[in-house]
Amino acid sequence: MRALDLPRVALVGLSMGGGVALGFALDAPKRIDRLALIDERASRLIPNVRLEIIPDCGHLAPLDQPEAVTRALSDFLLQAQ
């Protein structure tokens, strides 16, 4: 982020990458603009979370339902702009 001169970013994480993204957000909350975790379990751990259920998909939702995941992420990430 420093090399690219990005003061704040939107971060998206899936599975283990979600854990990494969450860890970064906890360590440096002022550097995170928006955080998207593709993991329903995270919704039970984080207050004031927005949960989006995508039907008919397993652990790898972006592979099972790519259009639905793209739509949900786009809606979420563009919401504040």
Protein backbone atom coordinates (compact mmCIF):
# COMPACT_ATOMS: atom_id res chain seq x y z
CA MET A 1 0.00 0.00 0.00
CA ARG A 2 2.85 2.37 0.75
CA ALA A 3 4.57 1.60 -2.55
CA LEU A 4 1.37 2.42 -4.42
CA ASP A 5 0.61 5.42 -2.18
CA LEU A 6 -2.79 4.02 -1.18
CA PRO A 7 -3.85 5.55 2.14
CA ARG A 8 -7.08 3.50 2.43
CA VAL A 9 -8.29 0.47 0.51
CA ALA A 10 -11.25 -1.84 0.07
CA LEU A 11 -10.14 -5.33 1.02
CA VAL A 12 -11.84 -8.58 -0.06
CA GLY A 13 -10.92 -11.96 1.39
CA LEU A 14 -12.13 -15.52 0.78
CA SER A 15 -11.51 -18.45 3.11
CA MET A 16 -7.98 -18.20 4.54
CA GLY A 17 -7.58 -14.91 2.69
CA GLY A 18 -10.56 -13.68 4.69
CA GLY A 19 -8.62 -14.39 7.86
CA VAL A 20 -5.64 -12.47 6.50
CA ALA A 21 -7.88 -9.56 5.45
CA LEU A 22 -9.60 -9.52 8.84
CA GLY A 23 -6.24 -9.61 10.63
CA PHE A 24 -4.99 -6.67 8.57
CA ALA A 25 -8.20 -4.74 9.26
CA LEU A 26 -7.83 -5.35 12.99
CA ASP A 27 -4.17 -4.32 12.95
CA ALA A 28 -4.63 -1.24 10.78
CA PRO A 29 -8.30 -0.17 10.83
CA LYS A 30 -7.51 3.34 9.60
CA ARG A 31 -6.11 1.86 6.37
CA ILE A 32 -9.35 0.03 5.51
CA ASP A 33 -12.21 1.79 3.73
CA ARG A 34 -14.39 -1.31 3.23
CA LEU A 35 -13.90 -4.95 4.18
CA ALA A 36 -15.67 -7.82 2.40
CA LEU A 37 -15.25 -11.33 3.80
CA ILE A 38 -16.68 -14.12 1.68
CA ASP A 39 -17.48 -16.39 4.62
CA GLU A 40 -20.78 -16.67 6.43
CA ARG A 41 -19.04 -17.59 9.70
CA ALA A 42 -17.52 -14.11 9.90
CA SER A 43 -21.01 -12.65 10.15
CA ARG A 44 -21.41 -14.24 13.57
CA LEU A 45 -18.23 -12.64 14.88
CA ILE A 46 -18.49 -9.06 13.62
CA PRO A 47 -21.14 -6.60 14.87
CA ASN A 48 -23.10 -4.45 12.39
CA VAL A 49 -22.21 -6.72 9.49
CA ARG A 50 -24.10 -6.94 6.21
CA LEU A 51 -24.71 -10.59 5.32
CA GLU A 52 -25.43 -11.49 1.71
CA ILE A 53 -26.53 -15.10 1.11
CA ILE A 54 -25.79 -16.48 -2.35
CA PRO A 55 -27.82 -19.66 -2.92
CA ASP A 56 -26.62 -22.82 -4.61
CA CYS A 57 -22.93 -22.44 -3.88
CA GLY A 58 -20.38 -24.12 -1.67
CA HIS A 59 -17.15 -22.94 -0.10
CA LEU A 60 -15.87 -21.32 -3.28
CA ALA A 61 -18.77 -19.04 -4.07
CA PRO A 62 -16.85 -17.06 -6.75
CA LEU A 63 -16.42 -20.29 -8.73
CA ASP A 64 -19.93 -21.64 -8.11
CA GLN A 65 -21.86 -18.39 -8.68
CA PRO A 66 -19.44 -15.84 -10.20
CA GLU A 67 -22.11 -13.45 -11.46
CA ALA A 68 -23.92 -13.34 -8.11
CA VAL A 69 -20.68 -12.80 -6.17
CA THR A 70 -19.57 -10.06 -8.57
CA ARG A 71 -22.95 -8.34 -8.26
CA ALA A 72 -22.96 -8.54 -4.44
CA LEU A 73 -19.37 -7.29 -4.14
CA SER A 74 -19.93 -4.50 -6.65
CA ASP A 75 -23.05 -3.33 -4.81
CA PHE A 76 -21.19 -3.38 -1.47
CA LEU A 77 -17.95 -1.79 -2.64
CA LEU A 78 -19.63 0.97 -4.65
CA GLN A 79 -22.19 1.73 -1.94
CA ALA A 80 -20.21 4.56 -0.31
CA GLN A 81 -18.95 6.19 -3.50
